[in-house]
């Protein structure tokens, strides 16, 4: 699957929706384990927009790698929080054009 490209308007829209979300997962010092990627896949399939907490010792590259390995868009990174988006087969979130 090709990476998702978001326009600045779509990115801003998703950031506003993600503001109220609580983090569902955490990338810890063990990095991108198979279990973490599996849980991220499940969360993206179910919710489309997922907020993830990132540990202090985790490199920024891991957040980008997680997006690439799950075919999701890295919407935003703010401090130790990352927001991912991937449309479901039947999208619930309607992105602006």
C-alpha atoms as a PDB file:
ATOM      1  CA  UNK A   1       0.000   0.000   0.000  1.00  0.00           C
ATOM      2  CA  UNK A   2       1.308   3.459  -0.878  1.00  0.00           C
ATOM      3  CA  UNK A   3       1.794   6.043   1.869  1.00  0.00           C
ATOM      4  CA  UNK A   4      -1.121   8.374   2.399  1.00  0.00           C
ATOM      5  CA  UNK A   5      -0.549  11.938   1.215  1.00  0.00           C
ATOM      6  CA  UNK A   6      -2.492  14.600   3.109  1.00  0.00           C
ATOM      7  CA  UNK A   7      -3.018  18.187   2.048  1.00  0.00           C
ATOM      8  CA  UNK A   8      -2.323  20.914   4.616  1.00  0.00           C
ATOM      9  CA  UNK A   9      -6.090  21.416   4.986  1.00  0.00           C
ATOM     10  CA  UNK A  10      -6.682  17.696   5.644  1.00  0.00           C
ATOM     11  CA  UNK A  11      -3.764  17.600   8.101  1.00  0.00           C
ATOM     12  CA  UNK A  12      -5.195  20.581  10.027  1.00  0.00           C
ATOM     13  CA  UNK A  13      -8.648  18.956  10.061  1.00  0.00           C
ATOM     14  CA  UNK A  14      -7.253  15.696  11.471  1.00  0.00           C
ATOM     15  CA  UNK A  15      -5.135  17.536  14.051  1.00  0.00           C
ATOM     16  CA  UNK A  16      -8.259  19.309  15.319  1.00  0.00           C
ATOM     17  CA  UNK A  17     -10.096  15.968  15.610  1.00  0.00           C
ATOM     18  CA  UNK A  18      -7.116  14.339  17.299  1.00  0.00           C
ATOM     19  CA  UNK A  19      -6.802  17.025  19.947  1.00  0.00           C
ATOM     20  CA  UNK A  20      -9.564  15.487  22.081  1.00  0.00           C
ATOM     21  CA  UNK A  21      -8.279  11.905  21.765  1.00  0.00           C
ATOM     22  CA  UNK A  22      -6.453  10.057  24.523  1.00  0.00           C
ATOM     23  CA  UNK A  23      -3.330   8.086  23.571  1.00  0.00           C
ATOM     24  CA  UNK A  24      -4.220   4.434  22.902  1.00  0.00           C
ATOM     25  CA  UNK A  25      -0.704   3.033  22.566  1.00  0.00           C
ATOM     26  CA  UNK A  26       2.859   3.803  23.597  1.00  0.00           C
ATOM     27  CA  UNK A  27       6.167   3.318  21.807  1.00  0.00           C
ATOM     28  CA  UNK A  28       8.585   2.424  24.563  1.00  0.00           C
ATOM     29  CA  UNK A  29      12.270   1.692  24.847  1.00  0.00           C
ATOM     30  CA  UNK A  30      11.774  -1.685  23.167  1.00  0.00           C
ATOM     31  CA  UNK A  31      10.925   0.217  19.968  1.00  0.00           C
ATOM     32  CA  UNK A  32       8.638  -1.053  17.241  1.00  0.00           C
ATOM     33  CA  UNK A  33       7.901  -4.563  18.384  1.00  0.00           C
ATOM     34  CA  UNK A  34       5.660  -6.841  16.358  1.00  0.00           C
ATOM     35  CA  UNK A  35       3.086  -6.604  19.160  1.00  0.00           C
ATOM     36  CA  UNK A  36       3.052  -2.777  18.984  1.00  0.00           C
ATOM     37  CA  UNK A  37       2.664  -2.781  15.196  1.00  0.00           C
ATOM     38  CA  UNK A  38      -0.138  -5.359  15.428  1.00  0.00           C
ATOM     39  CA  UNK A  39      -1.975  -3.214  18.002  1.00  0.00           C
ATOM     40  CA  UNK A  40      -1.475  -0.082  15.878  1.00  0.00           C
ATOM     41  CA  UNK A  41      -2.891  -1.936  12.851  1.00  0.00           C
ATOM     42  CA  UNK A  42      -5.955  -2.957  14.867  1.00  0.00           C
ATOM     43  CA  UNK A  43      -6.457   0.556  16.262  1.00  0.00           C
ATOM     44  CA  UNK A  44      -6.137   2.166  12.809  1.00  0.00           C
ATOM     45  CA  UNK A  45      -8.567  -0.332  11.285  1.00  0.00           C
ATOM     46  CA  UNK A  46     -11.102   0.353  14.020  1.00  0.00           C
ATOM     47  CA  UNK A  47     -10.685   4.089  14.670  1.00  0.00           C
ATOM     48  CA  UNK A  48      -8.838   5.566  11.629  1.00  0.00           C
ATOM     49  CA  UNK A  49      -7.271   8.308  13.804  1.00  0.00           C
ATOM     50  CA  UNK A  50      -4.987   7.097  16.606  1.00  0.00           C
ATOM     51  CA  UNK A  51      -2.934   9.039  19.130  1.00  0.00           C
ATOM     52  CA  UNK A  52       0.262   7.361  20.391  1.00  0.00           C
ATOM     53  CA  UNK A  53       2.496   8.351  23.300  1.00  0.00           C
ATOM     54  CA  UNK A  54       6.233   8.164  22.589  1.00  0.00           C
ATOM     55  CA  UNK A  55       8.799   7.404  25.298  1.00  0.00           C
ATOM     56  CA  UNK A  56      11.602   9.867  26.071  1.00  0.00           C
ATOM     57  CA  UNK A  57      14.345   7.640  24.735  1.00  0.00           C
ATOM     58  CA  UNK A  58      12.581   6.836  21.450  1.00  0.00           C
ATOM     59  CA  UNK A  59      13.992   8.352  18.271  1.00  0.00           C
ATOM     60  CA  UNK A  60      11.772  10.422  15.967  1.00  0.00           C
ATOM     61  CA  UNK A  61      12.590   8.040  13.119  1.00  0.00           C
ATOM     62  CA  UNK A  62      10.621   5.272  14.854  1.00  0.00           C
ATOM     63  CA  UNK A  63       7.399   7.284  14.624  1.00  0.00           C
ATOM     64  CA  UNK A  64       7.926   7.684  10.876  1.00  0.00           C
ATOM     65  CA  UNK A  65       8.836   4.003  10.502  1.00  0.00           C
ATOM     66  CA  UNK A  66       5.630   2.972  12.310  1.00  0.00           C
ATOM     67  CA  UNK A  67       3.613   5.053   9.832  1.00  0.00           C
ATOM     68  CA  UNK A  68       5.402   3.481   6.879  1.00  0.00           C
ATOM     69  CA  UNK A  69       5.033  -0.086   8.182  1.00  0.00           C
ATOM     70  CA  UNK A  70       1.284   0.347   8.763  1.00  0.00           C
ATOM     71  CA  UNK A  71       0.597   2.355   5.567  1.00  0.00           C
ATOM     72  CA  UNK A  72      -0.665   5.237   7.674  1.00  0.00           C
ATOM     73  CA  UNK A  73      -0.104   8.977   7.492  1.00  0.00           C
ATOM     74  CA  UNK A  74       1.888  10.637  10.248  1.00  0.00           C
ATOM     75  CA  UNK A  75      -0.481  13.558  10.820  1.00  0.00           C
ATOM     76  CA  UNK A  76       1.377  15.389  13.573  1.00  0.00           C
ATOM     77  CA  UNK A  77       4.092  15.111  16.171  1.00  0.00           C
ATOM     78  CA  UNK A  78       3.778  17.299  19.227  1.00  0.00           C
ATOM     79  CA  UNK A  79       6.258  16.699  22.004  1.00  0.00           C
ATOM     80  CA  UNK A  80       5.956  13.060  22.957  1.00  0.00           C
ATOM     81  CA  UNK A  81       2.635  12.488  21.183  1.00  0.00           C
ATOM     82  CA  UNK A  82       2.148  11.270  17.612  1.00  0.00           C
ATOM     83  CA  UNK A  83      -1.074  11.215  15.604  1.00  0.00           C
ATOM     84  CA  UNK A  84      -1.623   8.607  12.853  1.00  0.00           C
ATOM     85  CA  UNK A  85      -4.392   8.391  10.251  1.00  0.00           C
ATOM     86  CA  UNK A  86      -5.428   5.641   7.865  1.00  0.00           C
ATOM     87  CA  UNK A  87      -8.843   5.490   6.216  1.00  0.00           C
ATOM     88  CA  UNK A  88     -10.868   2.353   6.881  1.00  0.00           C
ATOM     89  CA  UNK A  89     -12.439   0.330   4.077  1.00  0.00           C
ATOM     90  CA  UNK A  90     -15.648   2.195   4.877  1.00  0.00           C
ATOM     91  CA  UNK A  91     -14.315   5.570   6.102  1.00  0.00           C
ATOM     92  CA  UNK A  92     -15.979   7.160   9.107  1.00  0.00           C
ATOM     93  CA  UNK A  93     -13.951  10.377   8.996  1.00  0.00           C
ATOM     94  CA  UNK A  94     -14.724  12.419   5.901  1.00  0.00           C
ATOM     95  CA  UNK A  95     -11.662  14.460   4.936  1.00  0.00           C
ATOM     96  CA  UNK A  96     -12.090  17.891   3.385  1.00  0.00           C
ATOM     97  CA  UNK A  97     -10.942  18.125  -0.216  1.00  0.00           C
END
